[in-house]
Each structure stands twice: as C-alpha cells, then as structure tokens.
Amino acid sequence: MTEYWYGYLIIAVVAYLLLLVCNKFNIIKSKPLRYFMVIFVTSALCWIIYDLII
C-alpha cells in the first residue's frame, strides 16, 4: 500500500487542477454537483490514462 502513494498524489493533483478550472470559468454553478463531477471526471480520466500506460 505504501508504494502506491504517488498514484494517489497524482489523482489528487489532477482533481485539484480540474476543480481550479471549474471554479475559474464557473462551468457548473452548484458546488455539490461541481465536486461530484470533478471526482467522476478525475477518476475516469486517471483510469483511462492508467489503462493506456499499463
């Protein structure tokens, strides 16, 4: 479990950057929906990238 910390860190950074973009351009007005969509898109994006690399 300790050897995968960098993967969790990458997911957190991607989610934070996506949230910054959503907040700056006010893409989704509702905050709970914005957080839900950021989590959903980040997890899907990271899984796709992970599958392409591995």
PDB file of N, CA and C in Angstrom:
ATOM      1  N   MET A   1       0.813  -1.189   0.000  1.00  0.00           N
ATOM      2  CA  MET A   1       0.000   0.000   0.000  1.00  0.00           C
ATOM      3  C   MET A   1       0.863   1.262   0.000  1.00  0.00           C
ATOM      4  N   THR A   2       1.997   1.222   0.647  1.00  0.00           N
ATOM      5  CA  THR A   2       2.826   2.421   0.731  1.00  0.00           C
ATOM      6  C   THR A   2       3.528   2.736  -0.584  1.00  0.00           C
ATOM      7  N   GLU A   3       3.652   1.763  -1.461  1.00  0.00           N
ATOM      8  CA  GLU A   3       4.335   2.038  -2.723  1.00  0.00           C
ATOM      9  C   GLU A   3       3.436   2.718  -3.749  1.00  0.00           C
ATOM     10  N   TYR A   4       2.134   2.829  -3.473  1.00  0.00           N
ATOM     11  CA  TYR A   4       1.221   3.463  -4.421  1.00  0.00           C
ATOM     12  C   TYR A   4       0.850   4.890  -4.028  1.00  0.00           C
ATOM     13  N   TRP A   5       1.580   5.501  -3.117  1.00  0.00           N
ATOM     14  CA  TRP A   5       1.236   6.841  -2.658  1.00  0.00           C
ATOM     15  C   TRP A   5       1.354   7.854  -3.785  1.00  0.00           C
ATOM     16  N   TYR A   6       2.280   7.648  -4.713  1.00  0.00           N
ATOM     17  CA  TYR A   6       2.448   8.595  -5.811  1.00  0.00           C
ATOM     18  C   TYR A   6       1.243   8.569  -6.749  1.00  0.00           C
ATOM     19  N   GLY A   7       0.594   7.432  -6.878  1.00  0.00           N
ATOM     20  CA  GLY A   7      -0.614   7.350  -7.697  1.00  0.00           C
ATOM     21  C   GLY A   7      -1.754   8.154  -7.099  1.00  0.00           C
ATOM     22  N   TYR A   8      -1.898   8.051  -5.780  1.00  0.00           N
ATOM     23  CA  TYR A   8      -2.933   8.832  -5.096  1.00  0.00           C
ATOM     24  C   TYR A   8      -2.627  10.318  -5.161  1.00  0.00           C
ATOM     25  N   LEU A   9      -1.353  10.654  -5.091  1.00  0.00           N
ATOM     26  CA  LEU A   9      -0.949  12.054  -5.182  1.00  0.00           C
ATOM     27  C   LEU A   9      -1.239  12.618  -6.570  1.00  0.00           C
ATOM     28  N   ILE A  10      -1.004  11.839  -7.607  1.00  0.00           N
ATOM     29  CA  ILE A  10      -1.297  12.272  -8.972  1.00  0.00           C
ATOM     30  C   ILE A  10      -2.799  12.484  -9.155  1.00  0.00           C
ATOM     31  N   ILE A  11      -3.613  11.575  -8.622  1.00  0.00           N
ATOM     32  CA  ILE A  11      -5.071  11.723  -8.719  1.00  0.00           C
ATOM     33  C   ILE A  11      -5.528  12.984  -7.996  1.00  0.00           C
ATOM     34  N   ALA A  12      -4.955  13.259  -6.829  1.00  0.00           N
ATOM     35  CA  ALA A  12      -5.327  14.450  -6.073  1.00  0.00           C
ATOM     36  C   ALA A  12      -4.926  15.725  -6.810  1.00  0.00           C
ATOM     37  N   VAL A  13      -3.769  15.732  -7.446  1.00  0.00           N
ATOM     38  CA  VAL A  13      -3.318  16.913  -8.195  1.00  0.00           C
ATOM     39  C   VAL A  13      -4.196  17.143  -9.413  1.00  0.00           C
ATOM     40  N   VAL A  14      -4.545  16.090 -10.119  1.00  0.00           N
ATOM     41  CA  VAL A  14      -5.424  16.221 -11.283  1.00  0.00           C
ATOM     42  C   VAL A  14      -6.793  16.742 -10.859  1.00  0.00           C
ATOM     43  N   ALA A  15      -7.325  16.232  -9.754  1.00  0.00           N
ATOM     44  CA  ALA A  15      -8.624  16.690  -9.261  1.00  0.00           C
ATOM     45  C   ALA A  15      -8.558  18.153  -8.845  1.00  0.00           C
ATOM     46  N   TYR A  16      -7.486  18.556  -8.197  1.00  0.00           N
ATOM     47  CA  TYR A  16      -7.342  19.942  -7.770  1.00  0.00           C
ATOM     48  C   TYR A  16      -7.251  20.880  -8.972  1.00  0.00           C
ATOM     49  N   LEU A  17      -6.487  20.506  -9.979  1.00  0.00           N
ATOM     50  CA  LEU A  17      -6.367  21.347 -11.175  1.00  0.00           C
ATOM     51  C   LEU A  17      -7.698  21.444 -11.917  1.00  0.00           C
ATOM     52  N   LEU A  18      -8.408  20.341 -12.009  1.00  0.00           N
ATOM     53  CA  LEU A  18      -9.719  20.350 -12.655  1.00  0.00           C
ATOM     54  C   LEU A  18     -10.706  21.208 -11.873  1.00  0.00           C
ATOM     55  N   LEU A  19     -10.637  21.156 -10.557  1.00  0.00           N
ATOM     56  CA  LEU A  19     -11.508  21.988  -9.720  1.00  0.00           C
ATOM     57  C   LEU A  19     -11.166  23.465  -9.881  1.00  0.00           C
ATOM     58  N   LEU A  20      -9.883  23.795 -10.002  1.00  0.00           N
ATOM     59  CA  LEU A  20      -9.492  25.188 -10.242  1.00  0.00           C
ATOM     60  C   LEU A  20     -10.057  25.705 -11.561  1.00  0.00           C
ATOM     61  N   VAL A  21      -9.995  24.885 -12.597  1.00  0.00           N
ATOM     62  CA  VAL A  21     -10.529  25.284 -13.896  1.00  0.00           C
ATOM     63  C   VAL A  21     -12.043  25.475 -13.808  1.00  0.00           C
ATOM     64  N   CYS A  22     -12.721  24.560 -13.135  1.00  0.00           N
ATOM     65  CA  CYS A  22     -14.180  24.678 -12.990  1.00  0.00           C
ATOM     66  C   CYS A  22     -14.562  25.906 -12.181  1.00  0.00           C
ATOM     67  N   ASN A  23     -13.798  26.222 -11.148  1.00  0.00           N
ATOM     68  CA  ASN A  23     -14.095  27.399 -10.344  1.00  0.00           C
ATOM     69  C   ASN A  23     -13.805  28.688 -11.097  1.00  0.00           C
ATOM     70  N   LYS A  24     -12.733  28.707 -11.867  1.00  0.00           N
ATOM     71  CA  LYS A  24     -12.347  29.931 -12.578  1.00  0.00           C
ATOM     72  C   LYS A  24     -13.358  30.287 -13.657  1.00  0.00           C
ATOM     73  N   PHE A  25     -13.767  29.310 -14.430  1.00  0.00           N
ATOM     74  CA  PHE A  25     -14.690  29.573 -15.532  1.00  0.00           C
ATOM     75  C   PHE A  25     -16.150  29.390 -15.134  1.00  0.00           C
ATOM     76  N   ASN A  26     -16.388  29.016 -13.869  1.00  0.00           N
ATOM     77  CA  ASN A  26     -17.741  28.839 -13.337  1.00  0.00           C
ATOM     78  C   ASN A  26     -18.575  27.934 -14.250  1.00  0.00           C
ATOM     79  N   ILE A  27     -18.001  26.793 -14.577  1.00  0.00           N
ATOM     80  CA  ILE A  27     -18.620  25.854 -15.512  1.00  0.00           C
ATOM     81  C   ILE A  27     -19.910  25.283 -14.940  1.00  0.00           C
ATOM     82  N   ILE A  28     -19.879  24.849 -13.680  1.00  0.00           N
ATOM     83  CA  ILE A  28     -21.062  24.298 -13.030  1.00  0.00           C
ATOM     84  C   ILE A  28     -21.357  25.179 -11.820  1.00  0.00           C
ATOM     85  N   LYS A  29     -22.560  25.693 -11.742  1.00  0.00           N
ATOM     86  CA  LYS A  29     -22.897  26.653 -10.686  1.00  0.00           C
ATOM     87  C   LYS A  29     -23.023  25.987  -9.310  1.00  0.00           C
ATOM     88  N   SER A  30     -23.656  24.830  -9.238  1.00  0.00           N
ATOM     89  CA  SER A  30     -23.899  24.155  -7.964  1.00  0.00           C
ATOM     90  C   SER A  30     -22.595  23.536  -7.446  1.00  0.00           C
ATOM     91  N   LYS A  31     -22.214  23.889  -6.197  1.00  0.00           N
ATOM     92  CA  LYS A  31     -20.969  23.379  -5.643  1.00  0.00           C
ATOM     93  C   LYS A  31     -20.967  21.870  -5.431  1.00  0.00           C
ATOM     94  N   PRO A  32     -22.036  21.276  -4.851  1.00  0.00           N
ATOM     95  CA  PRO A  32     -22.007  19.816  -4.696  1.00  0.00           C
ATOM     96  C   PRO A  32     -21.934  19.078  -6.037  1.00  0.00           C
ATOM     97  N   LEU A  33     -22.645  19.575  -7.026  1.00  0.00           N
ATOM     98  CA  LEU A  33     -22.582  18.954  -8.351  1.00  0.00           C
ATOM     99  C   LEU A  33     -21.205  19.131  -8.965  1.00  0.00           C
ATOM    100  N   ARG A  34     -20.595  20.292  -8.743  1.00  0.00           N
ATOM    101  CA  ARG A  34     -19.248  20.555  -9.267  1.00  0.00           C
ATOM    102  C   ARG A  34     -18.245  19.578  -8.661  1.00  0.00           C
ATOM    103  N   TYR A  35     -18.312  19.375  -7.339  1.00  0.00           N
ATOM    104  CA  TYR A  35     -17.397  18.432  -6.690  1.00  0.00           C
ATOM    105  C   TYR A  35     -17.644  17.002  -7.175  1.00  0.00           C
ATOM    106  N   PHE A  36     -18.902  16.628  -7.330  1.00  0.00           N
ATOM    107  CA  PHE A  36     -19.229  15.295  -7.822  1.00  0.00           C
ATOM    108  C   PHE A  36     -18.682  15.087  -9.236  1.00  0.00           C
ATOM    109  N   MET A  37     -18.872  16.062 -10.099  1.00  0.00           N
ATOM    110  CA  MET A  37     -18.395  15.938 -11.476  1.00  0.00           C
ATOM    111  C   MET A  37     -16.867  15.917 -11.535  1.00  0.00           C
ATOM    112  N   VAL A  38     -16.206  16.704 -10.699  1.00  0.00           N
ATOM    113  CA  VAL A  38     -14.741  16.696 -10.673  1.00  0.00           C
ATOM    114  C   VAL A  38     -14.235  15.331 -10.229  1.00  0.00           C
ATOM    115  N   ILE A  39     -14.845  14.757  -9.202  1.00  0.00           N
ATOM    116  CA  ILE A  39     -14.430  13.426  -8.743  1.00  0.00           C
ATOM    117  C   ILE A  39     -14.680  12.382  -9.827  1.00  0.00           C
ATOM    118  N   PHE A  40     -15.843  12.454 -10.471  1.00  0.00           N
ATOM    119  CA  PHE A  40     -16.178  11.487 -11.515  1.00  0.00           C
ATOM    120  C   PHE A  40     -15.242  11.605 -12.714  1.00  0.00           C
ATOM    121  N   VAL A  41     -15.029  12.817 -13.201  1.00  0.00           N
ATOM    122  CA  VAL A  41     -14.171  13.020 -14.373  1.00  0.00           C
ATOM    123  C   VAL A  41     -12.718  12.666 -14.051  1.00  0.00           C
ATOM    124  N   THR A  42     -12.257  13.031 -12.866  1.00  0.00           N
ATOM    125  CA  THR A  42     -10.883  12.715 -12.487  1.00  0.00           C
ATOM    126  C   THR A  42     -10.661  11.212 -12.408  1.00  0.00           C
ATOM    127  N   SER A  43     -11.591  10.501 -11.793  1.00  0.00           N
ATOM    128  CA  SER A  43     -11.416   9.057 -11.684  1.00  0.00           C
ATOM    129  C   SER A  43     -11.464   8.396 -13.058  1.00  0.00           C
ATOM    130  N   ALA A  44     -12.382   8.834 -13.907  1.00  0.00           N
ATOM    131  CA  ALA A  44     -12.454   8.265 -15.259  1.00  0.00           C
ATOM    132  C   ALA A  44     -11.191   8.590 -16.055  1.00  0.00           C
ATOM    133  N   LEU A  45     -10.735   9.816 -15.972  1.00  0.00           N
ATOM    134  CA  LEU A  45      -9.538  10.233 -16.709  1.00  0.00           C
ATOM    135  C   LEU A  45      -8.308   9.469 -16.237  1.00  0.00           C
ATOM    136  N   CYS A  46      -8.150   9.334 -14.939  1.00  0.00           N
ATOM    137  CA  CYS A  46      -6.978   8.628 -14.416  1.00  0.00           C
ATOM    138  C   CYS A  46      -7.027   7.140 -14.742  1.00  0.00           C
ATOM    139  N   TRP A  47      -8.220   6.540 -14.714  1.00  0.00           N
ATOM    140  CA  TRP A  47      -8.325   5.130 -15.091  1.00  0.00           C
ATOM    141  C   TRP A  47      -7.997   4.927 -16.562  1.00  0.00           C
ATOM    142  N   ILE A  48      -8.441   5.827 -17.415  1.00  0.00           N
ATOM    143  CA  ILE A  48      -8.139   5.711 -18.853  1.00  0.00           C
ATOM    144  C   ILE A  48      -6.657   5.856 -19.104  1.00  0.00           C
ATOM    145  N   ILE A  49      -6.035   6.841 -18.480  1.00  0.00           N
ATOM    146  CA  ILE A  49      -4.586   7.024 -18.640  1.00  0.00           C
ATOM    147  C   ILE A  49      -3.820   5.828 -18.088  1.00  0.00           C
ATOM    148  N   TYR A  50      -4.247   5.315 -16.941  1.00  0.00           N
ATOM    149  CA  TYR A  50      -3.606   4.153 -16.341  1.00  0.00           C
ATOM    150  C   TYR A  50      -3.704   2.937 -17.265  1.00  0.00           C
ATOM    151  N   ASP A  51      -4.885   2.721 -17.861  1.00  0.00           N
ATOM    152  CA  ASP A  51      -5.053   1.600 -18.779  1.00  0.00           C
ATOM    153  C   ASP A  51      -4.213   1.748 -20.035  1.00  0.00           C
ATOM    154  N   LEU A  52      -4.065   2.961 -20.517  1.00  0.00           N
ATOM    155  CA  LEU A  52      -3.238   3.184 -21.707  1.00  0.00           C
ATOM    156  C   LEU A  52      -1.762   2.972 -21.419  1.00  0.00           C
ATOM    157  N   ILE A  53      -1.313   3.358 -20.239  1.00  0.00           N
ATOM    158  CA  ILE A  53       0.105   3.216 -19.896  1.00  0.00           C
ATOM    159  C   ILE A  53       0.443   1.765 -19.564  1.00  0.00           C
ATOM    160  N   ILE A  54      -0.402   1.113 -18.802  1.00  0.00           N
ATOM    161  CA  ILE A  54      -0.135  -0.272 -18.385  1.00  0.00           C
ATOM    162  C   ILE A  54      -0.728  -1.206 -19.393  1.00  0.00           C
TER     163      ILE A  54
END
